[in-house]
Amino acid sequence: NTVRVQVRAASLASYERQGKVAAPTSSSDEIFRRAYALVCGSRPPERIRSLGVTACALEPAGAVQLSFLPEVAAAQRREGLENVIDSLRGKYGENIIRRGIMLTDPELGEVHLHRDHPFGAREEI
């Protein structure tokens, strides 16, 4: 339930920040938002050379308590959507669904998640 970011500046100075998420999640969007807030909260004045994001203290997926609170219900809907997208990508391939920005940026649109990984092709999990 913790998100940790490791930031290395252009001068090679580095630091780490971490923070808890409100509730256990498997939502990449929620993990991104927490990591983004951590980076923005203590961004170095120079350019960032590298950035790492780690999710810690994970819990297995299981039964979920439904909620009438709007923010919790919205998070649960986003998580359900991510599960559907994951199953579609597993069945039809990584490029079956893409973010809109990948259609407007030709260079970004050519990126293949597995083929272009900096450490080479990896096996499917």
Protein backbone atom coordinates (compact mmCIF):
# COMPACT_ATOMS: atom_id res chain seq x y z
CA ASN A 1 0.00 0.00 0.00
CA THR A 2 3.02 2.26 -0.41
CA VAL A 3 4.37 3.97 -3.54
CA ARG A 4 8.06 4.84 -3.68
CA VAL A 5 9.81 7.03 -6.27
CA GLN A 6 13.54 7.18 -6.91
CA VAL A 7 14.69 10.32 -8.75
CA ARG A 8 18.12 10.95 -10.21
CA ALA A 9 18.88 14.48 -11.40
CA ALA A 10 21.13 15.42 -14.32
CA SER A 11 23.98 16.06 -11.83
CA LEU A 12 23.55 12.41 -10.66
CA ALA A 13 22.29 13.53 -7.26
CA SER A 14 19.44 11.24 -6.24
CA TYR A 15 16.72 10.96 -3.66
CA GLU A 16 13.77 8.75 -2.76
CA ARG A 17 10.31 9.62 -1.51
CA GLN A 18 7.48 7.36 -0.49
CA GLY A 19 3.88 7.69 0.54
CA LYS A 20 0.90 5.51 1.31
CA VAL A 21 -2.15 5.17 -0.88
CA ALA A 22 -5.52 5.65 0.79
CA ALA A 23 -6.64 2.03 0.37
CA PRO A 24 -5.18 -1.16 -1.12
CA THR A 25 -5.20 -0.89 -4.91
CA SER A 26 -4.07 -2.57 -8.09
CA SER A 27 -4.93 0.49 -10.17
CA SER A 28 -2.01 1.74 -12.24
CA ASP A 29 -3.76 5.13 -12.45
CA GLU A 30 -3.87 5.48 -8.66
CA ILE A 31 -0.23 4.36 -8.34
CA PHE A 32 0.73 6.89 -11.04
CA ARG A 33 -1.14 9.74 -9.33
CA ARG A 34 0.57 9.03 -5.99
CA ALA A 35 4.01 8.79 -7.65
CA TYR A 36 3.40 11.99 -9.61
CA ALA A 37 2.41 13.84 -6.43
CA LEU A 38 5.60 12.63 -4.70
CA VAL A 39 7.80 13.81 -7.58
CA CYS A 40 6.05 17.18 -7.89
CA GLY A 41 6.29 17.73 -4.14
CA SER A 42 10.09 17.65 -4.15
CA ARG A 43 11.24 18.01 -7.73
CA PRO A 44 14.89 19.00 -8.18
CA PRO A 45 15.55 22.36 -9.87
CA GLU A 46 17.50 20.64 -12.65
CA ARG A 47 16.40 18.14 -15.28
CA ILE A 48 15.52 14.61 -14.19
CA ARG A 49 17.85 11.97 -15.60
CA SER A 50 15.92 8.91 -14.44
CA LEU A 51 12.82 8.10 -12.47
CA GLY A 52 11.79 4.82 -10.86
CA VAL A 53 8.44 3.93 -9.34
CA THR A 54 7.95 0.99 -6.99
CA ALA A 55 4.75 -0.33 -5.41
CA CYS A 56 5.45 -1.83 -1.96
CA ALA A 57 3.52 -3.83 0.64
CA LEU A 58 1.17 -5.24 -1.96
CA GLU A 59 -1.78 -7.39 -1.01
CA PRO A 60 -3.37 -10.15 -3.10
CA ALA A 61 -6.54 -9.26 -4.95
CA GLY A 62 -9.60 -10.50 -3.19
CA ALA A 63 -13.09 -9.58 -2.18
CA VAL A 64 -13.75 -5.86 -2.29
CA GLN A 65 -16.09 -3.93 -0.04
CA LEU A 66 -18.39 -1.93 -2.29
CA SER A 67 -18.89 1.69 -1.32
CA PHE A 68 -21.40 4.45 -1.88
CA LEU A 69 -18.74 7.14 -1.42
CA PRO A 70 -18.26 8.78 -4.84
CA GLU A 71 -14.45 8.79 -4.79
CA VAL A 72 -14.22 5.12 -3.71
CA ALA A 73 -16.87 4.05 -6.22
CA ALA A 74 -15.00 5.91 -9.01
CA ALA A 75 -11.72 4.21 -8.03
CA GLN A 76 -13.44 0.82 -8.09
CA ARG A 77 -14.85 1.53 -11.58
CA ARG A 78 -11.37 2.55 -12.83
CA GLU A 79 -9.91 -0.63 -11.35
CA GLY A 80 -12.61 -2.72 -13.06
CA LEU A 81 -11.83 -0.99 -16.36
CA GLU A 82 -8.12 -1.75 -15.95
CA ASN A 83 -8.96 -5.42 -15.36
CA VAL A 84 -10.99 -5.54 -18.59
CA ILE A 85 -8.17 -3.82 -20.51
CA ASP A 86 -5.63 -6.30 -19.09
CA SER A 87 -7.77 -9.26 -20.19
CA LEU A 88 -8.21 -7.78 -23.70
CA ARG A 89 -4.45 -7.22 -24.00
CA GLY A 90 -3.84 -10.78 -22.82
CA LYS A 91 -6.19 -12.18 -25.45
CA TYR A 92 -5.54 -9.87 -28.44
CA GLY A 93 -2.09 -8.33 -27.79
CA GLU A 94 -0.65 -5.20 -26.19
CA ASN A 95 -1.77 -2.78 -28.91
CA ILE A 96 -5.48 -3.66 -28.86
CA ILE A 97 -6.17 -0.61 -26.65
CA ARG A 98 -3.89 2.41 -26.51
CA ARG A 99 -4.01 5.85 -24.92
CA GLY A 100 -5.09 8.67 -27.22
CA ILE A 101 -1.74 10.48 -26.89
CA MET A 102 -0.09 7.58 -28.71
CA LEU A 103 -2.22 8.37 -31.78
CA THR A 104 -1.25 12.06 -31.88
CA ASP A 105 2.50 11.63 -31.27
CA PRO A 106 4.06 9.60 -34.14
CA GLU A 107 7.26 8.80 -32.21
CA LEU A 108 5.40 7.66 -29.11
CA GLY A 109 2.89 5.77 -31.26
CA GLU A 110 5.65 3.52 -32.59
CA VAL A 111 6.73 2.32 -29.13
CA HIS A 112 6.07 -1.37 -28.52
CA LEU A 113 5.88 -2.09 -24.79
CA HIS A 114 7.73 -5.42 -24.88
CA ARG A 115 9.96 -5.15 -27.96
CA ASP A 116 11.32 -1.70 -27.06
CA HIS A 117 11.85 -2.36 -23.34
CA PRO A 118 15.34 -1.04 -22.38
CA PHE A 119 16.37 -4.49 -21.15
CA GLY A 120 15.18 -6.30 -24.27
CA ALA A 121 12.26 -8.59 -24.82
CA ARG A 122 10.86 -10.21 -21.73
CA GLU A 123 8.68 -13.24 -21.22
CA GLU A 124 5.00 -12.78 -20.63
CA ILE A 125 3.94 -13.22 -17.03
